[in-house]
Amino acid sequence: MRSCQRGFTLIEIMVVVAIVGIATGIAFALAAPDSRAVALRDAREFARGLDYATRAAQWHQQLLGISADGDRIRYWRRDSGSTRWLEAGDAALRSRKLPGAAVVRALDYAGRPIAANSVVPLHPTGRNEPFTFAVDAGGWRARVASDPLNRISIAGPTRLAP
């Protein structure tokens, strides 16, 4: 009597491997964050913090500042009787990292380009010079800007040139 051996053919195994590969690719594409959405989300987060800082400067009648260095945002206060900047003591204005994979830097202050990690002052009078920060993520840039009336706006995100 002949024994019957059952198994999978090479074609069947290749079909299963292809299906698993396609399903993995789809799952990865759905799970990977969209760079454009990351730039916009992090720009909104930065804008909220910036809005709070401009209001806090007025509420507390204190000269505050903000700087950005890569993925970290820092809030500052001016040391009384000095020109030194110290980290702000307010819990809401502590140094923080952006939640996504974005990089933020200062672009301009009062219509002139500035160094990326410069401290942008936020005056207690509420009369601030206009300034712009860039939030870059995966080839996309959102601009967070403030006008002389302390209105915070977000432009973009727009695709960065290669």
C-alpha atoms as a PDB file:
ATOM      1  CA  MET A   1       0.000   0.000   0.000  1.00  0.00           C
ATOM      2  CA  ARG A   2       1.190   3.436  -0.867  1.00  0.00           C
ATOM      3  CA  SER A   3       1.298   6.121   1.818  1.00  0.00           C
ATOM      4  CA  CYS A   4      -0.069   9.483   0.867  1.00  0.00           C
ATOM      5  CA  GLN A   5       2.058  12.412   1.938  1.00  0.00           C
ATOM      6  CA  ARG A   6       0.391  15.778   2.110  1.00  0.00           C
ATOM      7  CA  GLY A   7       2.286  19.046   2.114  1.00  0.00           C
ATOM      8  CA  PHE A   8       2.385  22.483   0.607  1.00  0.00           C
ATOM      9  CA  THR A   9       3.619  23.193  -2.847  1.00  0.00           C
ATOM     10  CA  LEU A  10       6.156  25.910  -3.498  1.00  0.00           C
ATOM     11  CA  ILE A  11       3.468  28.015  -5.197  1.00  0.00           C
ATOM     12  CA  GLU A  12       1.208  27.848  -2.131  1.00  0.00           C
ATOM     13  CA  ILE A  13       4.041  28.921   0.173  1.00  0.00           C
ATOM     14  CA  MET A  14       4.965  31.824  -2.139  1.00  0.00           C
ATOM     15  CA  VAL A  15       1.342  33.025  -2.226  1.00  0.00           C
ATOM     16  CA  VAL A  16       1.148  33.005   1.585  1.00  0.00           C
ATOM     17  CA  VAL A  17       4.472  34.883   1.887  1.00  0.00           C
ATOM     18  CA  ALA A  18       3.253  37.494  -0.627  1.00  0.00           C
ATOM     19  CA  ILE A  19      -0.031  37.986   1.252  1.00  0.00           C
ATOM     20  CA  VAL A  20       1.805  38.369   4.586  1.00  0.00           C
ATOM     21  CA  GLY A  21       4.219  40.856   2.959  1.00  0.00           C
ATOM     22  CA  ILE A  22       1.391  42.967   1.536  1.00  0.00           C
ATOM     23  CA  ALA A  23      -0.484  42.956   4.853  1.00  0.00           C
ATOM     24  CA  THR A  24       2.687  43.994   6.708  1.00  0.00           C
ATOM     25  CA  GLY A  25       3.308  46.820   4.240  1.00  0.00           C
ATOM     26  CA  ILE A  26      -0.239  48.132   4.635  1.00  0.00           C
ATOM     27  CA  ALA A  27      -0.038  47.935   8.438  1.00  0.00           C
ATOM     28  CA  PHE A  28       3.301  49.776   8.439  1.00  0.00           C
ATOM     29  CA  ALA A  29       1.972  52.509   6.138  1.00  0.00           C
ATOM     30  CA  LEU A  30      -1.057  53.029   8.372  1.00  0.00           C
ATOM     31  CA  ALA A  31       1.009  53.045  11.578  1.00  0.00           C
ATOM     32  CA  ALA A  32       3.796  55.362  10.333  1.00  0.00           C
ATOM     33  CA  PRO A  33       3.030  59.006  11.078  1.00  0.00           C
ATOM     34  CA  ASP A  34       2.433  61.302   8.143  1.00  0.00           C
ATOM     35  CA  SER A  35       5.249  63.902   8.123  1.00  0.00           C
ATOM     36  CA  ARG A  36       2.878  66.659   7.040  1.00  0.00           C
ATOM     37  CA  ALA A  37       0.520  65.871   9.929  1.00  0.00           C
ATOM     38  CA  VAL A  38       3.457  65.759  12.379  1.00  0.00           C
ATOM     39  CA  ALA A  39       4.613  69.219  11.251  1.00  0.00           C
ATOM     40  CA  LEU A  40       1.108  70.649  11.654  1.00  0.00           C
ATOM     41  CA  ARG A  41       0.461  68.978  15.012  1.00  0.00           C
ATOM     42  CA  ASP A  42       3.794  70.119  16.463  1.00  0.00           C
ATOM     43  CA  ALA A  43       3.269  73.642  15.077  1.00  0.00           C
ATOM     44  CA  ARG A  44      -0.094  73.798  16.843  1.00  0.00           C
ATOM     45  CA  GLU A  45       1.467  72.587  20.097  1.00  0.00           C
ATOM     46  CA  PHE A  46       4.225  75.189  19.786  1.00  0.00           C
ATOM     47  CA  ALA A  47       1.678  77.933  18.974  1.00  0.00           C
ATOM     48  CA  ARG A  48      -0.350  77.092  22.103  1.00  0.00           C
ATOM     49  CA  GLY A  49       2.755  77.389  24.279  1.00  0.00           C
ATOM     50  CA  LEU A  50       3.757  80.612  22.568  1.00  0.00           C
ATOM     51  CA  ASP A  51       0.292  82.094  23.078  1.00  0.00           C
ATOM     52  CA  TYR A  52       0.401  81.198  26.771  1.00  0.00           C
ATOM     53  CA  ALA A  53       3.885  82.728  27.151  1.00  0.00           C
ATOM     54  CA  THR A  54       2.862  86.047  25.542  1.00  0.00           C
ATOM     55  CA  ARG A  55      -0.143  86.256  27.871  1.00  0.00           C
ATOM     56  CA  ALA A  56       1.912  85.239  30.925  1.00  0.00           C
ATOM     57  CA  ALA A  57       4.394  88.058  30.227  1.00  0.00           C
ATOM     58  CA  GLN A  58       1.515  90.542  30.419  1.00  0.00           C
ATOM     59  CA  TRP A  59      -0.250  88.918  33.402  1.00  0.00           C
ATOM     60  CA  HIS A  60       2.910  88.781  35.523  1.00  0.00           C
ATOM     61  CA  GLN A  61       4.348  92.060  34.174  1.00  0.00           C
ATOM     62  CA  GLN A  62       7.604  90.290  33.426  1.00  0.00           C
ATOM     63  CA  LEU A  63       9.901  90.171  30.424  1.00  0.00           C
ATOM     64  CA  LEU A  64       9.824  86.591  29.164  1.00  0.00           C
ATOM     65  CA  GLY A  65      11.534  84.980  26.202  1.00  0.00           C
ATOM     66  CA  ILE A  66      11.362  81.895  24.059  1.00  0.00           C
ATOM     67  CA  SER A  67      14.047  80.014  22.165  1.00  0.00           C
ATOM     68  CA  ALA A  68      14.114  76.882  20.064  1.00  0.00           C
ATOM     69  CA  ASP A  69      17.014  74.518  19.641  1.00  0.00           C
ATOM     70  CA  GLY A  70      16.263  71.511  17.479  1.00  0.00           C
ATOM     71  CA  ASP A  71      13.443  69.538  19.057  1.00  0.00           C
ATOM     72  CA  ARG A  72      13.556  71.486  22.357  1.00  0.00           C
ATOM     73  CA  ILE A  73      11.684  74.685  23.227  1.00  0.00           C
ATOM     74  CA  ARG A  74      12.839  76.800  26.144  1.00  0.00           C
ATOM     75  CA  TYR A  75      11.022  79.570  27.973  1.00  0.00           C
ATOM     76  CA  TRP A  76      13.057  82.262  29.714  1.00  0.00           C
ATOM     77  CA  ARG A  77      12.611  85.128  32.138  1.00  0.00           C
ATOM     78  CA  ARG A  78      14.889  88.127  32.488  1.00  0.00           C
ATOM     79  CA  ASP A  79      16.883  88.212  35.713  1.00  0.00           C
ATOM     80  CA  SER A  80      15.888  91.367  37.602  1.00  0.00           C
ATOM     81  CA  GLY A  81      18.580  94.040  37.464  1.00  0.00           C
ATOM     82  CA  SER A  82      20.563  92.093  34.870  1.00  0.00           C
ATOM     83  CA  THR A  83      20.642  91.267  31.174  1.00  0.00           C
ATOM     84  CA  ARG A  84      20.860  87.518  31.815  1.00  0.00           C
ATOM     85  CA  TRP A  85      18.138  85.113  30.784  1.00  0.00           C
ATOM     86  CA  LEU A  86      17.170  82.421  33.303  1.00  0.00           C
ATOM     87  CA  GLU A  87      14.857  79.501  32.667  1.00  0.00           C
ATOM     88  CA  ALA A  88      11.270  80.418  33.536  1.00  0.00           C
ATOM     89  CA  GLY A  89      10.091  79.014  36.858  1.00  0.00           C
ATOM     90  CA  ASP A  90       6.446  78.572  35.820  1.00  0.00           C
ATOM     91  CA  ALA A  91       5.511  74.883  35.482  1.00  0.00           C
ATOM     92  CA  ALA A  92       3.635  75.628  32.245  1.00  0.00           C
ATOM     93  CA  LEU A  93       6.703  77.392  30.849  1.00  0.00           C
ATOM     94  CA  ARG A  94       9.287  74.728  31.462  1.00  0.00           C
ATOM     95  CA  SER A  95      11.688  73.504  28.811  1.00  0.00           C
ATOM     96  CA  ARG A  96      10.024  70.833  26.725  1.00  0.00           C
ATOM     97  CA  LYS A  97      10.561  68.611  23.747  1.00  0.00           C
ATOM     98  CA  LEU A  98       8.058  68.653  20.915  1.00  0.00           C
ATOM     99  CA  PRO A  99       5.889  65.515  20.970  1.00  0.00           C
ATOM    100  CA  GLY A 100       6.557  64.506  17.358  1.00  0.00           C
ATOM    101  CA  ALA A 101       9.693  64.145  15.274  1.00  0.00           C
ATOM    102  CA  ALA A 102       9.803  67.827  14.341  1.00  0.00           C
ATOM    103  CA  VAL A 103      12.646  70.326  14.603  1.00  0.00           C
ATOM    104  CA  VAL A 104      11.873  73.946  15.486  1.00  0.00           C
ATOM    105  CA  ARG A 105      14.036  77.032  14.997  1.00  0.00           C
ATOM    106  CA  ALA A 106      13.693  80.794  14.934  1.00  0.00           C
ATOM    107  CA  LEU A 107      13.605  82.333  11.461  1.00  0.00           C
ATOM    108  CA  ASP A 108      13.230  86.067  11.995  1.00  0.00           C
ATOM    109  CA  TYR A 109      12.620  88.777  14.556  1.00  0.00           C
ATOM    110  CA  ALA A 110      11.520  92.333  13.706  1.00  0.00           C
ATOM    111  CA  GLY A 111      11.872  91.554  10.010  1.00  0.00           C
ATOM    112  CA  ARG A 112      15.500  90.369  10.237  1.00  0.00           C
ATOM    113  CA  PRO A 113      16.914  86.844  10.225  1.00  0.00           C
ATOM    114  CA  ILE A 114      18.175  85.612  13.611  1.00  0.00           C
ATOM    115  CA  ALA A 115      20.246  82.701  14.862  1.00  0.00           C
ATOM    116  CA  ALA A 116      18.268  79.508  15.380  1.00  0.00           C
ATOM    117  CA  ASN A 117      18.693  79.400  19.180  1.00  0.00           C
ATOM    118  CA  SER A 118      18.243  83.151  19.894  1.00  0.00           C
ATOM    119  CA  VAL A 119      15.933  84.217  22.709  1.00  0.00           C
ATOM    120  CA  VAL A 120      12.917  86.079  21.322  1.00  0.00           C
ATOM    121  CA  PRO A 121      11.661  88.570  23.932  1.00  0.00           C
ATOM    122  CA  LEU A 122       8.009  88.750  24.979  1.00  0.00           C
ATOM    123  CA  HIS A 123       7.404  92.153  26.572  1.00  0.00           C
ATOM    124  CA  PRO A 124       5.075  92.734  29.543  1.00  0.00           C
ATOM    125  CA  THR A 125       3.470  95.637  27.672  1.00  0.00           C
ATOM    126  CA  GLY A 126       2.232  93.234  25.007  1.00  0.00           C
ATOM    127  CA  ARG A 127       3.936  95.284  22.292  1.00  0.00           C
ATOM    128  CA  ASN A 128       6.210  92.736  20.697  1.00  0.00           C
ATOM    129  CA  GLU A 129       8.102  92.827  17.432  1.00  0.00           C
ATOM    130  CA  PRO A 130       6.806  90.337  14.853  1.00  0.00           C
ATOM    131  CA  PHE A 131       8.686  87.039  14.720  1.00  0.00           C
ATOM    132  CA  THR A 132       8.530  83.692  12.964  1.00  0.00           C
ATOM    133  CA  PHE A 133       9.594  80.170  13.908  1.00  0.00           C
ATOM    134  CA  ALA A 134       9.815  77.189  11.555  1.00  0.00           C
ATOM    135  CA  VAL A 135       8.614  73.716  12.535  1.00  0.00           C
ATOM    136  CA  ASP A 136      10.137  71.147  10.159  1.00  0.00           C
ATOM    137  CA  ALA A 137       9.211  67.472   9.971  1.00  0.00           C
ATOM    138  CA  GLY A 138      10.067  64.990   7.225  1.00  0.00           C
ATOM    139  CA  GLY A 139      10.373  67.487   4.380  1.00  0.00           C
ATOM    140  CA  TRP A 140       7.438  69.662   5.484  1.00  0.00           C
ATOM    141  CA  ARG A 141       7.582  73.122   7.103  1.00  0.00           C
ATOM    142  CA  ALA A 142       4.955  74.942   9.116  1.00  0.00           C
ATOM    143  CA  ARG A 143       5.578  78.552  10.119  1.00  0.00           C
ATOM    144  CA  VAL A 144       4.427  79.828  13.497  1.00  0.00           C
ATOM    145  CA  ALA A 145       4.347  83.620  13.572  1.00  0.00           C
ATOM    146  CA  SER A 146       3.322  86.414  15.895  1.00  0.00           C
ATOM    147  CA  ASP A 147       2.339  89.905  14.797  1.00  0.00           C
ATOM    148  CA  PRO A 148       2.680  93.144  16.827  1.00  0.00           C
ATOM    149  CA  LEU A 149      -0.775  92.531  18.350  1.00  0.00           C
ATOM    150  CA  ASN A 150       0.357  89.119  19.671  1.00  0.00           C
ATOM    151  CA  ARG A 151      -1.850  87.169  17.290  1.00  0.00           C
ATOM    152  CA  ILE A 152      -0.288  83.759  16.725  1.00  0.00           C
ATOM    153  CA  SER A 153      -0.779  82.228  13.285  1.00  0.00           C
ATOM    154  CA  ILE A 154       0.271  79.017  11.577  1.00  0.00           C
ATOM    155  CA  ALA A 155       1.072  78.909   7.868  1.00  0.00           C
ATOM    156  CA  GLY A 156       1.463  75.622   6.047  1.00  0.00           C
ATOM    157  CA  PRO A 157       2.747  73.056   6.207  1.00  0.00           C
ATOM    158  CA  THR A 158       4.425  73.403   2.839  1.00  0.00           C
ATOM    159  CA  ARG A 159       6.802  71.017   1.122  1.00  0.00           C
ATOM    160  CA  LEU A 160      10.486  71.924   1.562  1.00  0.00           C
ATOM    161  CA  ALA A 161      12.561  72.102  -1.591  1.00  0.00           C
ATOM    162  CA  PRO A 162      14.871  69.080  -1.986  1.00  0.00           C
END
